Structure formats: structure tokens, C-alpha cells
Amino acid sequence: YLAPTYLGDTLTAEVEVLALKPDKPVCQLRATITNQDGTQVLEGECWTYTLRPG
């Protein structure tokens, strides 16, 4: 966490896809969250499972 958040804050999340594994249903994401003043309150990266059609 980079800055505190409070009840009533408006948070905006931006998520970027960093990597895809064509042979596996996973992708790497970077998330950045800012508050209503434009202050960055959180940043992180993760690997997540992705759904494949039918």
C-alpha cells in the first residue's frame, strides 16, 4: 500500500496485461489504483487464471 484510503474515497483501478501464456490459461497483470485526488494508493502485479471460450 502506498497511501491510506478512507470511507467515501473514490478509487479508480487501471489493469495492464503484461504477459500471456498461449499454452496455459494464465496471464500476468499489473494493477494501479488511484484515489479521487490522483494519488496512487496501491500498485501490484499478479498471475491469474483466464477463462477460455467453450
N, C-alpha and C. Protein backbone atom coordinates (compact mmCIF):
# COMPACT_ATOMS: atom_id res chain seq x y z
N TYR A 1 0.84 -1.18 0.00
CA TYR A 1 0.00 0.00 0.00
C TYR A 1 0.88 1.24 0.00
N LEU A 2 0.52 2.19 -0.83
CA LEU A 2 1.35 3.39 -0.96
C LEU A 2 0.78 4.58 -0.20
N ALA A 3 -0.53 4.59 0.03
CA ALA A 3 -1.19 5.68 0.75
C ALA A 3 -2.48 5.13 1.35
N PRO A 4 -2.97 5.75 2.44
CA PRO A 4 -4.20 5.25 3.06
C PRO A 4 -5.43 5.60 2.22
N THR A 5 -6.47 4.81 2.40
CA THR A 5 -7.77 5.12 1.81
C THR A 5 -8.79 5.24 2.93
N TYR A 6 -9.87 5.96 2.67
CA TYR A 6 -10.87 6.25 3.70
C TYR A 6 -12.26 6.01 3.14
N LEU A 7 -13.21 5.77 4.04
CA LEU A 7 -14.61 5.66 3.62
C LEU A 7 -14.99 6.90 2.83
N GLY A 8 -15.67 6.73 1.73
CA GLY A 8 -16.08 7.85 0.90
C GLY A 8 -15.11 8.17 -0.22
N ASP A 9 -13.89 7.61 -0.19
CA ASP A 9 -12.95 7.82 -1.29
C ASP A 9 -13.49 7.18 -2.56
N THR A 10 -13.16 7.79 -3.69
CA THR A 10 -13.46 7.21 -4.99
C THR A 10 -12.16 6.64 -5.53
N LEU A 11 -12.15 5.33 -5.76
CA LEU A 11 -10.93 4.66 -6.22
C LEU A 11 -11.10 4.24 -7.67
N THR A 12 -10.02 4.41 -8.44
CA THR A 12 -10.01 4.03 -9.85
C THR A 12 -8.89 3.04 -10.07
N ALA A 13 -9.21 1.89 -10.68
CA ALA A 13 -8.21 0.86 -10.94
C ALA A 13 -7.88 0.82 -12.42
N GLU A 14 -6.60 0.71 -12.72
CA GLU A 14 -6.13 0.52 -14.09
C GLU A 14 -5.35 -0.79 -14.11
N VAL A 15 -5.72 -1.69 -15.01
CA VAL A 15 -5.08 -3.00 -15.08
C VAL A 15 -4.44 -3.17 -16.45
N GLU A 16 -3.18 -3.58 -16.46
CA GLU A 16 -2.43 -3.78 -17.71
C GLU A 16 -2.04 -5.26 -17.81
N VAL A 17 -2.23 -5.84 -18.96
CA VAL A 17 -1.79 -7.22 -19.21
C VAL A 17 -0.31 -7.17 -19.58
N LEU A 18 0.52 -7.84 -18.77
CA LEU A 18 1.96 -7.84 -19.01
C LEU A 18 2.42 -9.04 -19.82
N ALA A 19 1.77 -10.19 -19.60
CA ALA A 19 2.20 -11.41 -20.30
C ALA A 19 1.04 -12.38 -20.42
N LEU A 20 1.04 -13.10 -21.52
CA LEU A 20 0.07 -14.18 -21.75
C LEU A 20 0.85 -15.46 -22.02
N LYS A 21 0.34 -16.56 -21.53
CA LYS A 21 0.94 -17.87 -21.81
C LYS A 21 0.00 -18.59 -22.76
N PRO A 22 0.32 -18.64 -24.06
CA PRO A 22 -0.59 -19.25 -25.03
C PRO A 22 -0.88 -20.73 -24.75
N ASP A 23 0.07 -21.43 -24.11
CA ASP A 23 -0.12 -22.85 -23.85
C ASP A 23 -0.82 -23.13 -22.52
N LYS A 24 -1.05 -22.09 -21.71
CA LYS A 24 -1.70 -22.26 -20.40
C LYS A 24 -2.73 -21.15 -20.21
N PRO A 25 -3.77 -21.40 -19.41
CA PRO A 25 -4.80 -20.37 -19.20
C PRO A 25 -4.42 -19.39 -18.09
N VAL A 26 -3.25 -18.75 -18.22
CA VAL A 26 -2.81 -17.78 -17.22
C VAL A 26 -2.30 -16.52 -17.90
N CYS A 27 -2.36 -15.41 -17.17
CA CYS A 27 -1.78 -14.16 -17.66
C CYS A 27 -1.22 -13.39 -16.47
N GLN A 28 -0.27 -12.51 -16.75
CA GLN A 28 0.33 -11.66 -15.73
C GLN A 28 -0.27 -10.27 -15.86
N LEU A 29 -0.70 -9.70 -14.73
CA LEU A 29 -1.34 -8.39 -14.71
C LEU A 29 -0.60 -7.43 -13.80
N ARG A 30 -0.66 -6.15 -14.12
CA ARG A 30 -0.19 -5.08 -13.23
C ARG A 30 -1.39 -4.19 -12.94
N ALA A 31 -1.64 -3.93 -11.67
CA ALA A 31 -2.76 -3.07 -11.27
C ALA A 31 -2.23 -1.83 -10.58
N THR A 32 -2.82 -0.69 -10.93
CA THR A 32 -2.51 0.58 -10.28
C THR A 32 -3.83 1.19 -9.85
N ILE A 33 -3.92 1.59 -8.58
CA ILE A 33 -5.15 2.17 -8.06
C ILE A 33 -4.86 3.57 -7.53
N THR A 34 -5.69 4.53 -7.96
CA THR A 34 -5.55 5.91 -7.52
C THR A 34 -6.84 6.37 -6.85
N ASN A 35 -6.71 7.40 -6.01
CA ASN A 35 -7.92 7.96 -5.38
C ASN A 35 -8.41 9.16 -6.18
N GLN A 36 -9.43 9.81 -5.66
CA GLN A 36 -10.07 10.92 -6.37
C GLN A 36 -9.14 12.12 -6.58
N ASP A 37 -8.05 12.20 -5.81
CA ASP A 37 -7.09 13.30 -5.97
C ASP A 37 -5.96 12.95 -6.93
N GLY A 38 -6.00 11.72 -7.47
CA GLY A 38 -4.94 11.28 -8.37
C GLY A 38 -3.75 10.68 -7.64
N THR A 39 -3.86 10.53 -6.32
CA THR A 39 -2.78 9.93 -5.53
C THR A 39 -2.80 8.41 -5.71
N GLN A 40 -1.66 7.85 -6.04
CA GLN A 40 -1.58 6.40 -6.20
C GLN A 40 -1.60 5.76 -4.81
N VAL A 41 -2.56 4.86 -4.58
CA VAL A 41 -2.70 4.24 -3.27
C VAL A 41 -2.26 2.78 -3.25
N LEU A 42 -2.17 2.15 -4.42
CA LEU A 42 -1.76 0.75 -4.47
C LEU A 42 -1.21 0.43 -5.84
N GLU A 43 -0.19 -0.42 -5.86
CA GLU A 43 0.35 -0.92 -7.12
C GLU A 43 0.81 -2.35 -6.88
N GLY A 44 0.55 -3.22 -7.83
CA GLY A 44 0.99 -4.60 -7.67
C GLY A 44 0.89 -5.38 -8.95
N GLU A 45 1.53 -6.56 -8.95
CA GLU A 45 1.49 -7.47 -10.09
C GLU A 45 1.05 -8.84 -9.59
N CYS A 46 0.38 -9.58 -10.47
CA CYS A 46 -0.05 -10.94 -10.11
C CYS A 46 -0.20 -11.78 -11.36
N TRP A 47 -0.20 -13.10 -11.16
CA TRP A 47 -0.56 -14.06 -12.20
C TRP A 47 -1.96 -14.52 -11.89
N THR A 48 -2.79 -14.67 -12.90
CA THR A 48 -4.17 -15.10 -12.69
C THR A 48 -4.60 -16.08 -13.78
N TYR A 49 -5.54 -16.92 -13.43
CA TYR A 49 -6.13 -17.82 -14.42
C TYR A 49 -7.09 -17.05 -15.31
N THR A 50 -7.15 -17.43 -16.57
CA THR A 50 -8.08 -16.81 -17.50
C THR A 50 -9.04 -17.87 -18.04
N LEU A 51 -10.24 -17.45 -18.32
CA LEU A 51 -11.24 -18.36 -18.88
C LEU A 51 -11.06 -18.45 -20.39
N ARG A 52 -11.22 -19.63 -20.89
CA ARG A 52 -11.17 -19.83 -22.34
C ARG A 52 -12.57 -20.16 -22.83
N PRO A 53 -12.92 -19.69 -24.01
CA PRO A 53 -14.26 -19.98 -24.53
C PRO A 53 -14.50 -21.48 -24.71
N GLY A 54 -15.75 -21.88 -24.42
CA GLY A 54 -16.33 -23.15 -24.61
C GLY A 54 -15.56 -24.36 -24.62
